[in-house]
PDB file of N, CA and C in Angstrom:
ATOM      1  N   MET A   1      31.017  17.186  -0.908  1.00  0.00           N
ATOM      2  CA  MET A   1      30.780  17.068  -1.974  1.00  0.00           C
ATOM      3  C   MET A   1      29.501  16.738  -1.997  1.00  0.00           C
ATOM      4  N   THR A   2      28.823  16.890  -3.419  1.00  0.00           N
ATOM      5  CA  THR A   2      27.458  16.871  -3.735  1.00  0.00           C
ATOM      6  C   THR A   2      27.034  15.457  -3.914  1.00  0.00           C
ATOM      7  N   PHE A   3      25.755  14.685  -3.956  1.00  0.00           N
ATOM      8  CA  PHE A   3      25.820  13.676  -4.477  1.00  0.00           C
ATOM      9  C   PHE A   3      25.760  13.578  -6.132  1.00  0.00           C
ATOM     10  N   GLY A   4      25.529  14.752  -6.494  1.00  0.00           N
ATOM     11  CA  GLY A   4      25.711  14.482  -8.138  1.00  0.00           C
ATOM     12  C   GLY A   4      27.144  14.651  -8.680  1.00  0.00           C
ATOM     13  N   ASP A   5      27.861  15.394  -7.715  1.00  0.00           N
ATOM     14  CA  ASP A   5      29.471  15.126  -8.216  1.00  0.00           C
ATOM     15  C   ASP A   5      29.874  14.029  -7.770  1.00  0.00           C
ATOM     16  N   PHE A   6      29.542  13.340  -6.580  1.00  0.00           N
ATOM     17  CA  PHE A   6      29.817  11.917  -6.122  1.00  0.00           C
ATOM     18  C   PHE A   6      29.314  10.823  -7.665  1.00  0.00           C
ATOM     19  N   SER A   7      28.095  10.622  -7.855  1.00  0.00           N
ATOM     20  CA  SER A   7      27.501  10.183  -8.647  1.00  0.00           C
ATOM     21  C   SER A   7      28.672   9.852  -9.950  1.00  0.00           C
ATOM     22  N   ALA A   8      28.539  11.056 -10.536  1.00  0.00           N
ATOM     23  CA  ALA A   8      29.507  11.669 -11.579  1.00  0.00           C
ATOM     24  C   ALA A   8      31.147  10.530 -11.626  1.00  0.00           C
ATOM     25  N   LEU A   9      31.732  10.661 -10.448  1.00  0.00           N
ATOM     26  CA  LEU A   9      32.780  10.236  -9.809  1.00  0.00           C
ATOM     27  C   LEU A   9      32.604   8.475 -10.290  1.00  0.00           C
ATOM     28  N   TYR A  10      31.152   8.018  -9.664  1.00  0.00           N
ATOM     29  CA  TYR A  10      31.027   6.824  -9.256  1.00  0.00           C
ATOM     30  C   TYR A  10      30.875   5.929 -10.810  1.00  0.00           C
ATOM     31  N   VAL A  11      30.001   6.687 -11.899  1.00  0.00           N
ATOM     32  CA  VAL A  11      30.109   6.498 -13.396  1.00  0.00           C
ATOM     33  C   VAL A  11      31.060   6.050 -13.688  1.00  0.00           C
ATOM     34  N   LYS A  12      32.022   7.374 -13.746  1.00  0.00           N
ATOM     35  CA  LYS A  12      33.163   7.561 -14.505  1.00  0.00           C
ATOM     36  C   LYS A  12      34.243   6.129 -14.086  1.00  0.00           C
ATOM     37  N   ASP A  13      33.930   5.844 -12.704  1.00  0.00           N
ATOM     38  CA  ASP A  13      35.248   4.769 -12.351  1.00  0.00           C
ATOM     39  C   ASP A  13      34.360   3.553 -12.845  1.00  0.00           C
ATOM     40  N   MET A  14      32.981   3.205 -12.766  1.00  0.00           N
ATOM     41  CA  MET A  14      32.255   2.198 -13.566  1.00  0.00           C
ATOM     42  C   MET A  14      32.549   1.820 -14.778  1.00  0.00           C
ATOM     43  N   GLU A  15      32.738   2.924 -15.717  1.00  0.00           N
ATOM     44  CA  GLU A  15      32.821   2.502 -16.806  1.00  0.00           C
ATOM     45  C   GLU A  15      33.975   1.755 -17.259  1.00  0.00           C
ATOM     46  N   HIS A  16      35.006   1.902 -16.526  1.00  0.00           N
ATOM     47  CA  HIS A  16      36.255   1.062 -16.408  1.00  0.00           C
ATOM     48  C   HIS A  16      36.196  -0.437 -16.144  1.00  0.00           C
ATOM     49  N   ARG A  17      35.098  -0.754 -15.595  1.00  0.00           N
ATOM     50  CA  ARG A  17      34.966  -2.271 -14.686  1.00  0.00           C
ATOM     51  C   ARG A  17      33.888  -2.763 -15.172  1.00  0.00           C
ATOM     52  N   LEU A  18      33.122  -2.295 -16.362  1.00  0.00           N
ATOM     53  CA  LEU A  18      31.831  -2.834 -16.942  1.00  0.00           C
ATOM     54  C   LEU A  18      31.879  -2.898 -18.600  1.00  0.00           C
ATOM     55  N   LYS A  19      31.035  -3.694 -19.093  1.00  0.00           N
ATOM     56  CA  LYS A  19      30.850  -4.031 -20.543  1.00  0.00           C
ATOM     57  C   LYS A  19      30.332  -2.509 -21.112  1.00  0.00           C
ATOM     58  N   PRO A  20      30.421  -1.529 -22.129  1.00  0.00           N
ATOM     59  CA  PRO A  20      30.316  -0.238 -22.808  1.00  0.00           C
ATOM     60  C   PRO A  20      28.456  -0.339 -22.581  1.00  0.00           C
ATOM     61  N   SER A  21      27.966  -1.423 -23.009  1.00  0.00           N
ATOM     62  CA  SER A  21      26.532  -1.389 -22.793  1.00  0.00           C
ATOM     63  C   SER A  21      25.761  -1.326 -21.286  1.00  0.00           C
ATOM     64  N   THR A  22      26.462  -1.864 -20.627  1.00  0.00           N
ATOM     65  CA  THR A  22      26.068  -1.906 -19.350  1.00  0.00           C
ATOM     66  C   THR A  22      26.206  -1.026 -18.535  1.00  0.00           C
ATOM     67  N   ALA A  23      27.634  -0.281 -18.892  1.00  0.00           N
ATOM     68  CA  ALA A  23      27.944   1.325 -18.005  1.00  0.00           C
ATOM     69  C   ALA A  23      27.119   2.126 -18.720  1.00  0.00           C
ATOM     70  N   ALA A  24      26.534   1.939 -20.043  1.00  0.00           N
ATOM     71  CA  ALA A  24      25.622   2.996 -20.921  1.00  0.00           C
ATOM     72  C   ALA A  24      24.333   2.963 -20.031  1.00  0.00           C
ATOM     73  N   SER A  25      23.635   1.619 -19.668  1.00  0.00           N
ATOM     74  CA  SER A  25      22.576   1.785 -19.254  1.00  0.00           C
ATOM     75  C   SER A  25      22.608   2.005 -17.751  1.00  0.00           C
ATOM     76  N   ARG A  26      23.187   2.266 -16.915  1.00  0.00           N
ATOM     77  CA  ARG A  26      23.164   2.162 -15.727  1.00  0.00           C
ATOM     78  C   ARG A  26      23.643   3.757 -15.634  1.00  0.00           C
ATOM     79  N   LYS A  27      24.436   4.240 -16.129  1.00  0.00           N
ATOM     80  CA  LYS A  27      24.373   5.871 -16.221  1.00  0.00           C
ATOM     81  C   LYS A  27      23.353   6.438 -16.658  1.00  0.00           C
ATOM     82  N   TRP A  28      22.614   5.593 -17.904  1.00  0.00           N
ATOM     83  CA  TRP A  28      21.172   6.504 -18.072  1.00  0.00           C
ATOM     84  C   TRP A  28      20.115   6.540 -16.910  1.00  0.00           C
ATOM     85  N   LEU A  29      20.180   5.331 -16.395  1.00  0.00           N
ATOM     86  CA  LEU A  29      19.185   5.168 -14.713  1.00  0.00           C
ATOM     87  C   LEU A  29      19.729   5.960 -13.748  1.00  0.00           C
ATOM     88  N   ILE A  30      21.027   5.936 -13.856  1.00  0.00           N
ATOM     89  CA  ILE A  30      21.596   6.903 -12.424  1.00  0.00           C
ATOM     90  C   ILE A  30      21.435   8.497 -12.907  1.00  0.00           C
ATOM     91  N   ASP A  31      21.490   8.967 -14.310  1.00  0.00           N
ATOM     92  CA  ASP A  31      21.424  10.431 -14.560  1.00  0.00           C
ATOM     93  C   ASP A  31      19.689  10.950 -14.729  1.00  0.00           C
ATOM     94  N   LEU A  32      19.127   9.583 -15.083  1.00  0.00           N
ATOM     95  CA  LEU A  32      17.489  10.006 -15.229  1.00  0.00           C
ATOM     96  C   LEU A  32      16.600   9.816 -13.636  1.00  0.00           C
ATOM     97  N   LYS A  33      17.174   8.543 -12.894  1.00  0.00           N
ATOM     98  CA  LYS A  33      15.933   8.361 -12.109  1.00  0.00           C
ATOM     99  C   LYS A  33      16.864   8.751 -10.674  1.00  0.00           C
ATOM    100  N   VAL A  34      17.923   8.473 -10.313  1.00  0.00           N
ATOM    101  CA  VAL A  34      18.414   8.880  -8.905  1.00  0.00           C
ATOM    102  C   VAL A  34      19.250  10.166  -8.750  1.00  0.00           C
ATOM    103  N   THR A  35      20.093  10.496  -9.616  1.00  0.00           N
ATOM    104  CA  THR A  35      20.631  11.993  -9.282  1.00  0.00           C
ATOM    105  C   THR A  35      19.637  13.110  -9.271  1.00  0.00           C
ATOM    106  N   PRO A  36      18.568  13.145 -10.138  1.00  0.00           N
ATOM    107  CA  PRO A  36      17.817  14.494 -10.194  1.00  0.00           C
ATOM    108  C   PRO A  36      17.468  14.635  -8.891  1.00  0.00           C
ATOM    109  N   PHE A  37      17.170  13.849  -8.134  1.00  0.00           N
ATOM    110  CA  PHE A  37      16.520  14.258  -6.790  1.00  0.00           C
ATOM    111  C   PHE A  37      17.644  14.336  -5.539  1.00  0.00           C
ATOM    112  N   PHE A  38      18.771  13.693  -5.691  1.00  0.00           N
ATOM    113  CA  PHE A  38      19.875  13.721  -4.777  1.00  0.00           C
ATOM    114  C   PHE A  38      20.927  14.720  -5.162  1.00  0.00           C
ATOM    115  N   LYS A  39      20.884  15.395  -6.448  1.00  0.00           N
ATOM    116  CA  LYS A  39      22.235  16.079  -7.165  1.00  0.00           C
ATOM    117  C   LYS A  39      22.514  17.262  -6.257  1.00  0.00           C
ATOM    118  N   LYS A  40      21.815  17.975  -5.475  1.00  0.00           N
ATOM    119  CA  LYS A  40      22.206  19.016  -4.786  1.00  0.00           C
ATOM    120  C   LYS A  40      22.488  18.883  -2.697  1.00  0.00           C
ATOM    121  N   ILE A  41      22.342  17.633  -2.805  1.00  0.00           N
ATOM    122  CA  ILE A  41      22.395  17.339  -1.142  1.00  0.00           C
ATOM    123  C   ILE A  41      23.821  16.716  -1.177  1.00  0.00           C
ATOM    124  N   PRO A  42      24.679  17.398  -0.133  1.00  0.00           N
ATOM    125  CA  PRO A  42      25.870  16.653  -0.004  1.00  0.00           C
ATOM    126  C   PRO A  42      25.737  15.245   0.759  1.00  0.00           C
ATOM    127  N   LEU A  43      26.694  14.703   0.329  1.00  0.00           N
ATOM    128  CA  LEU A  43      27.006  13.177   0.696  1.00  0.00           C
ATOM    129  C   LEU A  43      26.221  12.724   1.879  1.00  0.00           C
ATOM    130  N   ASN A  44      27.197  13.787   2.763  1.00  0.00           N
ATOM    131  CA  ASN A  44      27.460  13.415   4.284  1.00  0.00           C
ATOM    132  C   ASN A  44      25.915  13.945   4.762  1.00  0.00           C
ATOM    133  N   GLU A  45      25.207  14.358   3.984  1.00  0.00           N
ATOM    134  CA  GLU A  45      23.234  14.734   4.682  1.00  0.00           C
ATOM    135  C   GLU A  45      22.560  13.889   4.299  1.00  0.00           C
ATOM    136  N   ILE A  46      22.751  13.284   3.499  1.00  0.00           N
ATOM    137  CA  ILE A  46      21.646  12.023   3.172  1.00  0.00           C
ATOM    138  C   ILE A  46      21.482  11.212   3.984  1.00  0.00           C
ATOM    139  N   LYS A  47      19.860  11.606   4.589  1.00  0.00           N
ATOM    140  CA  LYS A  47      19.367  10.579   5.815  1.00  0.00           C
ATOM    141  C   LYS A  47      18.362   9.767   5.126  1.00  0.00           C
ATOM    142  N   PRO A  48      18.298   8.632   5.863  1.00  0.00           N
ATOM    143  CA  PRO A  48      16.784   7.926   5.276  1.00  0.00           C
ATOM    144  C   PRO A  48      15.893   8.645   4.787  1.00  0.00           C
ATOM    145  N   ILE A  49      15.349   9.240   5.198  1.00  0.00           N
ATOM    146  CA  ILE A  49      13.891  10.466   4.863  1.00  0.00           C
ATOM    147  C   ILE A  49      14.532  10.867   3.206  1.00  0.00           C
ATOM    148  N   HIS A  50      15.271  11.096   3.120  1.00  0.00           N
ATOM    149  CA  HIS A  50      15.886  11.489   1.638  1.00  0.00           C
ATOM    150  C   HIS A  50      15.300  10.238   0.815  1.00  0.00           C
ATOM    151  N   VAL A  51      15.647   8.854   1.080  1.00  0.00           N
ATOM    152  CA  VAL A  51      15.781   7.929   0.366  1.00  0.00           C
ATOM    153  C   VAL A  51      14.259   7.641   0.291  1.00  0.00           C
ATOM    154  N   ARG A  52      13.122   7.850   1.350  1.00  0.00           N
ATOM    155  CA  ARG A  52      12.380   7.288   1.316  1.00  0.00           C
ATOM    156  C   ARG A  52      11.087   8.361   0.526  1.00  0.00           C
ATOM    157  N   GLN A  53      11.501   9.831   0.764  1.00  0.00           N
ATOM    158  CA  GLN A  53      10.975  10.680  -0.035  1.00  0.00           C
ATOM    159  C   GLN A  53      10.971  10.370  -1.791  1.00  0.00           C
ATOM    160  N   ARG A  54      12.237   9.907  -2.161  1.00  0.00           N
ATOM    161  CA  ARG A  54      12.715   9.508  -3.456  1.00  0.00           C
ATOM    162  C   ARG A  54      11.726   8.133  -3.982  1.00  0.00           C
ATOM    163  N   GLN A  55      11.653   7.337  -2.932  1.00  0.00           N
ATOM    164  CA  GLN A  55      11.171   6.026  -3.253  1.00  0.00           C
ATOM    165  C   GLN A  55       9.221   6.417  -3.457  1.00  0.00           C
ATOM    166  N   ASN A  56       8.907   7.313  -2.384  1.00  0.00           N
ATOM    167  CA  ASN A  56       7.493   7.777  -2.447  1.00  0.00           C
ATOM    168  C   ASN A  56       7.316   8.260  -3.785  1.00  0.00           C
ATOM    169  N   SER A  57       8.019   8.985  -4.385  1.00  0.00           N
ATOM    170  CA  SER A  57       7.890   9.829  -5.296  1.00  0.00           C
ATOM    171  C   SER A  57       8.136   8.749  -6.963  1.00  0.00           C
ATOM    172  N   LEU A  58       8.516   7.930  -6.545  1.00  0.00           N
ATOM    173  CA  LEU A  58       8.973   6.814  -7.879  1.00  0.00           C
ATOM    174  C   LEU A  58       7.622   6.240  -7.743  1.00  0.00           C
ATOM    175  N   THR A  59       7.025   5.511  -6.663  1.00  0.00           N
ATOM    176  CA  THR A  59       5.850   4.554  -6.578  1.00  0.00           C
ATOM    177  C   THR A  59       4.730   5.548  -6.996  1.00  0.00           C
ATOM    178  N   SER A  60       4.495   6.754  -6.540  1.00  0.00           N
ATOM    179  CA  SER A  60       3.180   7.416  -7.092  1.00  0.00           C
ATOM    180  C   SER A  60       3.184   7.911  -8.355  1.00  0.00           C
ATOM    181  N   TYR A  61       4.258   7.512  -9.226  1.00  0.00           N
ATOM    182  CA  TYR A  61       4.375   7.895 -10.475  1.00  0.00           C
ATOM    183  C   TYR A  61       3.426   7.188 -11.525  1.00  0.00           C
ATOM    184  N   ARG A  62       2.799   7.910 -11.988  1.00  0.00           N
ATOM    185  CA  ARG A  62       1.913   6.961 -12.856  1.00  0.00           C
ATOM    186  C   ARG A  62       2.093   7.722 -14.693  1.00  0.00           C
ATOM    187  N   ASP A  63       2.130   7.145 -15.712  1.00  0.00           N
ATOM    188  CA  ASP A  63       2.377   7.573 -17.052  1.00  0.00           C
ATOM    189  C   ASP A  63       0.891   8.058 -17.841  1.00  0.00           C
ATOM    190  N   GLU A  64       0.853   8.601 -18.948  1.00  0.00           N
ATOM    191  CA  GLU A  64      -0.222   8.795 -19.374  1.00  0.00           C
ATOM    192  C   GLU A  64      -1.490   8.227 -19.484  1.00  0.00           C
ATOM    193  N   SER A  65      -1.277   6.826 -19.473  1.00  0.00           N
ATOM    194  CA  SER A  65      -2.319   6.151 -19.361  1.00  0.00           C
ATOM    195  C   SER A  65      -2.833   5.060 -17.826  1.00  0.00           C
ATOM    196  N   GLY A  66      -2.068   6.087 -16.619  1.00  0.00           N
ATOM    197  CA  GLY A  66      -2.214   5.470 -15.052  1.00  0.00           C
ATOM    198  C   GLY A  66      -1.299   4.531 -14.849  1.00  0.00           C
ATOM    199  N   LYS A  67      -0.203   3.982 -15.648  1.00  0.00           N
ATOM    200  CA  LYS A  67       0.084   2.702 -15.290  1.00  0.00           C
ATOM    201  C   LYS A  67       1.651   3.156 -14.521  1.00  0.00           C
ATOM    202  N   PRO A  68       1.786   2.685 -13.357  1.00  0.00           N
ATOM    203  CA  PRO A  68       2.893   2.922 -12.390  1.00  0.00           C
ATOM    204  C   PRO A  68       4.001   1.932 -12.870  1.00  0.00           C
ATOM    205  N   TYR A  69       5.340   2.590 -12.233  1.00  0.00           N
ATOM    206  CA  TYR A  69       6.857   1.786 -12.656  1.00  0.00           C
ATOM    207  C   TYR A  69       6.220   0.405 -12.008  1.00  0.00           C
ATOM    208  N   SER A  70       7.045  -0.618 -13.009  1.00  0.00           N
ATOM    209  CA  SER A  70       6.734  -1.988 -12.100  1.00  0.00           C
ATOM    210  C   SER A  70       7.738  -1.979 -10.922  1.00  0.00           C
ATOM    211  N   GLN A  71       7.248  -3.338 -10.059  1.00  0.00           N
ATOM    212  CA  GLN A  71       8.360  -3.252  -9.130  1.00  0.00           C
ATOM    213  C   GLN A  71       9.533  -3.607  -9.024  1.00  0.00           C
ATOM    214  N   THR A  72       9.813  -4.535 -10.629  1.00  0.00           N
ATOM    215  CA  THR A  72      11.091  -4.673 -11.163  1.00  0.00           C
ATOM    216  C   THR A  72      12.078  -3.472 -11.672  1.00  0.00           C
ATOM    217  N   TYR A  73      11.308  -2.464 -12.098  1.00  0.00           N
ATOM    218  CA  TYR A  73      12.161  -1.312 -12.393  1.00  0.00           C
ATOM    219  C   TYR A  73      12.494  -0.506 -11.376  1.00  0.00           C
ATOM    220  N   LEU A  74      11.518  -0.203 -10.170  1.00  0.00           N
ATOM    221  CA  LEU A  74      11.871   0.141  -8.888  1.00  0.00           C
ATOM    222  C   LEU A  74      13.067  -0.375  -8.476  1.00  0.00           C
ATOM    223  N   LYS A  75      12.974  -1.369  -8.536  1.00  0.00           N
ATOM    224  CA  LYS A  75      14.120  -2.507  -7.801  1.00  0.00           C
ATOM    225  C   LYS A  75      15.514  -2.098  -8.208  1.00  0.00           C
ATOM    226  N   CYS A  76      15.035  -1.927  -9.568  1.00  0.00           N
ATOM    227  CA  CYS A  76      16.608  -1.476 -10.572  1.00  0.00           C
ATOM    228  C   CYS A  76      17.128  -0.187  -9.942  1.00  0.00           C
ATOM    229  N   ILE A  77      16.009   0.726 -10.025  1.00  0.00           N
ATOM    230  CA  ILE A  77      16.855   2.133  -9.534  1.00  0.00           C
ATOM    231  C   ILE A  77      17.044   2.132  -7.884  1.00  0.00           C
ATOM    232  N   ASN A  78      16.385   1.501  -7.001  1.00  0.00           N
ATOM    233  CA  ASN A  78      17.052   1.111  -5.654  1.00  0.00           C
ATOM    234  C   ASN A  78      18.523   0.701  -5.603  1.00  0.00           C
ATOM    235  N   ASN A  79      18.630  -0.374  -6.741  1.00  0.00           N
ATOM    236  CA  ASN A  79      19.710  -1.157  -6.544  1.00  0.00           C
ATOM    237  C   ASN A  79      21.241   0.044  -7.031  1.00  0.00           C
ATOM    238  N   GLN A  80      20.744   0.742  -7.849  1.00  0.00           N
ATOM    239  CA  GLN A  80      21.949   1.494  -8.306  1.00  0.00           C
ATOM    240  C   GLN A  80      22.399   2.908  -7.287  1.00  0.00           C
ATOM    241  N   LEU A  81      20.893   3.122  -6.403  1.00  0.00           N
ATOM    242  CA  LEU A  81      21.062   3.861  -5.307  1.00  0.00           C
ATOM    243  C   LEU A  81      22.074   3.007  -4.428  1.00  0.00           C
ATOM    244  N   THR A  82      21.591   2.394  -4.005  1.00  0.00           N
ATOM    245  CA  THR A  82      22.654   1.188  -3.112  1.00  0.00           C
ATOM    246  C   THR A  82      23.836   1.212  -3.524  1.00  0.00           C
ATOM    247  N   ALA A  83      23.967   0.861  -4.558  1.00  0.00           N
ATOM    248  CA  ALA A  83      25.517   0.562  -5.413  1.00  0.00           C
ATOM    249  C   ALA A  83      26.530   1.785  -5.211  1.00  0.00           C
ATOM    250  N   ILE A  84      25.764   3.196  -4.971  1.00  0.00           N
ATOM    251  CA  ILE A  84      26.330   4.385  -5.048  1.00  0.00           C
ATOM    252  C   ILE A  84      26.832   4.767  -3.684  1.00  0.00           C
ATOM    253  N   PHE A  85      26.029   4.292  -2.789  1.00  0.00           N
ATOM    254  CA  PHE A  85      26.125   4.339  -1.050  1.00  0.00           C
ATOM    255  C   PHE A  85      27.366   3.165  -0.859  1.00  0.00           C
ATOM    256  N   ASN A  86      26.988   2.141  -1.446  1.00  0.00           N
ATOM    257  CA  ASN A  86      28.226   1.405  -0.997  1.00  0.00           C
ATOM    258  C   ASN A  86      29.528   1.523  -1.341  1.00  0.00           C
ATOM    259  N   TYR A  87      29.433   1.987  -2.660  1.00  0.00           N
ATOM    260  CA  TYR A  87      30.867   2.446  -2.800  1.00  0.00           C
ATOM    261  C   TYR A  87      31.257   3.730  -2.224  1.00  0.00           C
ATOM    262  N   ALA A  88      30.527   4.481  -1.754  1.00  0.00           N
ATOM    263  CA  ALA A  88      31.034   6.250  -1.131  1.00  0.00           C
ATOM    264  C   ALA A  88      31.414   5.324   0.237  1.00  0.00           C
ATOM    265  N   VAL A  89      30.890   4.526   0.911  1.00  0.00           N
ATOM    266  CA  VAL A  89      31.231   4.002   1.864  1.00  0.00           C
ATOM    267  C   VAL A  89      32.647   3.187   1.809  1.00  0.00           C
ATOM    268  N   LYS A  90      32.752   2.334   1.167  1.00  0.00           N
ATOM    269  CA  LYS A  90      33.861   1.604   0.596  1.00  0.00           C
ATOM    270  C   LYS A  90      35.132   1.964   0.327  1.00  0.00           C
ATOM    271  N   TYR A  91      34.932   3.029  -0.637  1.00  0.00           N
ATOM    272  CA  TYR A  91      36.401   3.884  -1.558  1.00  0.00           C
ATOM    273  C   TYR A  91      36.764   5.346  -0.930  1.00  0.00           C
ATOM    274  N   TYR A  92      35.530   6.013  -0.333  1.00  0.00           N
ATOM    275  CA  TYR A  92      35.522   7.313   0.148  1.00  0.00           C
ATOM    276  C   TYR A  92      35.582   7.324   1.894  1.00  0.00           C
ATOM    277  N   GLY A  93      35.226   6.567   2.545  1.00  0.00           N
ATOM    278  CA  GLY A  93      35.046   6.508   3.876  1.00  0.00           C
ATOM    279  C   GLY A  93      33.970   7.118   4.309  1.00  0.00           C
ATOM    280  N   TYR A  94      32.881   7.487   3.456  1.00  0.00           N
ATOM    281  CA  TYR A  94      31.546   7.853   3.805  1.00  0.00           C
ATOM    282  C   TYR A  94      30.908   6.685   4.898  1.00  0.00           C
ATOM    283  N   SER A  95      31.445   6.009   5.735  1.00  0.00           N
ATOM    284  CA  SER A  95      30.603   5.473   6.846  1.00  0.00           C
ATOM    285  C   SER A  95      29.297   5.562   7.453  1.00  0.00           C
ATOM    286  N   HIS A  96      29.390   6.937   7.824  1.00  0.00           N
ATOM    287  CA  HIS A  96      28.122   7.477   8.299  1.00  0.00           C
ATOM    288  C   HIS A  96      26.874   7.490   7.238  1.00  0.00           C
ATOM    289  N   LEU A  97      27.010   6.819   6.101  1.00  0.00           N
ATOM    290  CA  LEU A  97      26.002   6.631   5.481  1.00  0.00           C
ATOM    291  C   LEU A  97      25.016   5.081   5.926  1.00  0.00           C
ATOM    292  N   TYR A  98      25.834   4.311   6.030  1.00  0.00           N
ATOM    293  CA  TYR A  98      25.108   3.032   6.262  1.00  0.00           C
ATOM    294  C   TYR A  98      24.342   2.500   5.491  1.00  0.00           C
ATOM    295  N   PRO A  99      24.665   2.315   3.932  1.00  0.00           N
ATOM    296  CA  PRO A  99      23.522   2.525   3.037  1.00  0.00           C
ATOM    297  C   PRO A  99      22.731   1.228   2.928  1.00  0.00           C
ATOM    298  N   ASN A 100      23.293   0.110   3.792  1.00  0.00           N
ATOM    299  CA  ASN A 100      22.141  -1.388   3.756  1.00  0.00           C
ATOM    300  C   ASN A 100      21.115  -0.842   4.809  1.00  0.00           C
ATOM    301  N   LYS A 101      21.504  -0.131   5.828  1.00  0.00           N
ATOM    302  CA  LYS A 101      20.445   0.082   6.824  1.00  0.00           C
ATOM    303  C   LYS A 101      19.391   1.299   6.294  1.00  0.00           C
ATOM    304  N   GLN A 102      19.831   2.415   5.959  1.00  0.00           N
ATOM    305  CA  GLN A 102      19.016   3.289   5.239  1.00  0.00           C
ATOM    306  C   GLN A 102      18.204   2.724   4.327  1.00  0.00           C
ATOM    307  N   VAL A 103      18.600   2.087   3.216  1.00  0.00           N
ATOM    308  CA  VAL A 103      17.576   1.686   2.127  1.00  0.00           C
ATOM    309  C   VAL A 103      16.688   0.344   2.467  1.00  0.00           C
ATOM    310  N   GLU A 104      17.592  -0.420   3.421  1.00  0.00           N
ATOM    311  CA  GLU A 104      16.397  -1.459   3.910  1.00  0.00           C
ATOM    312  C   GLU A 104      15.503  -1.360   4.740  1.00  0.00           C
ATOM    313  N   ALA A 105      15.789  -0.170   5.445  1.00  0.00           N
ATOM    314  CA  ALA A 105      14.714   0.431   6.345  1.00  0.00           C
ATOM    315  C   ALA A 105      13.625   0.980   5.211  1.00  0.00           C
ATOM    316  N   ALA A 106      14.075   1.598   4.608  1.00  0.00           N
ATOM    317  CA  ALA A 106      12.958   2.577   3.477  1.00  0.00           C
ATOM    318  C   ALA A 106      12.216   1.179   2.792  1.00  0.00           C
ATOM    319  N   ARG A 107      13.051   0.340   2.326  1.00  0.00           N
ATOM    320  CA  ARG A 107      12.271  -0.750   1.330  1.00  0.00           C
ATOM    321  C   ARG A 107      10.897  -1.415   2.542  1.00  0.00           C
ATOM    322  N   GLN A 108      11.500  -1.559   3.558  1.00  0.00           N
ATOM    323  CA  GLN A 108      10.711  -2.297   4.555  1.00  0.00           C
ATOM    324  C   GLN A 108       9.361  -1.511   4.878  1.00  0.00           C
ATOM    325  N   LEU A 109       9.793  -0.449   5.174  1.00  0.00           N
ATOM    326  CA  LEU A 109       8.598   0.963   5.588  1.00  0.00           C
ATOM    327  C   LEU A 109       7.413   1.100   4.102  1.00  0.00           C
ATOM    328  N   ASP A 110       8.116   1.231   2.887  1.00  0.00           N
ATOM    329  CA  ASP A 110       7.381   1.491   1.947  1.00  0.00           C
ATOM    330  C   ASP A 110       6.601   0.203   1.510  1.00  0.00           C
ATOM    331  N   GLY A 111       7.135  -0.997   1.925  1.00  0.00           N
ATOM    332  CA  GLY A 111       6.490  -2.350   1.725  1.00  0.00           C
ATOM    333  C   GLY A 111       6.668  -2.479  -0.194  1.00  0.00           C
ATOM    334  N   ILE A 112       7.785  -1.880  -0.667  1.00  0.00           N
ATOM    335  CA  ILE A 112       7.983  -1.574  -2.406  1.00  0.00           C
ATOM    336  C   ILE A 112       8.624  -2.684  -2.915  1.00  0.00           C
ATOM    337  N   MET A 113       9.873  -3.258  -1.900  1.00  0.00           N
ATOM    338  CA  MET A 113      10.539  -3.848  -2.400  1.00  0.00           C
ATOM    339  C   MET A 113      10.744  -5.361  -1.506  1.00  0.00           C
ATOM    340  N   PRO A 114      11.003  -6.629  -2.142  1.00  0.00           N
ATOM    341  CA  PRO A 114      10.928  -7.629  -1.198  1.00  0.00           C
ATOM    342  C   PRO A 114      12.004  -7.506  -0.292  1.00  0.00           C
TER     343      PRO A 114
END
């Protein structure tokens, strides 16, 4: 199963557990900032280097006026990716992901997350 397919399952399940406005904002963030990078990668093939590459692309982003994403915004994006990985491990048995180890290692290496 690709990450894109799995993230759609995650969003659908979360819609039943969250307030509509919260679900909509999370879906927007996942669809815009998380899924495009990982969309075609099979879930069982995602490695820490993929997470790091995505974080590098986000930290190097600059808008028209040269401003980067805020640390808070980067953390929100990363939190959604972590939530999807945790969901995959807990409910679908993708224990090989070890999401906390992957994401925490990438955070420490990047120095972008506390």
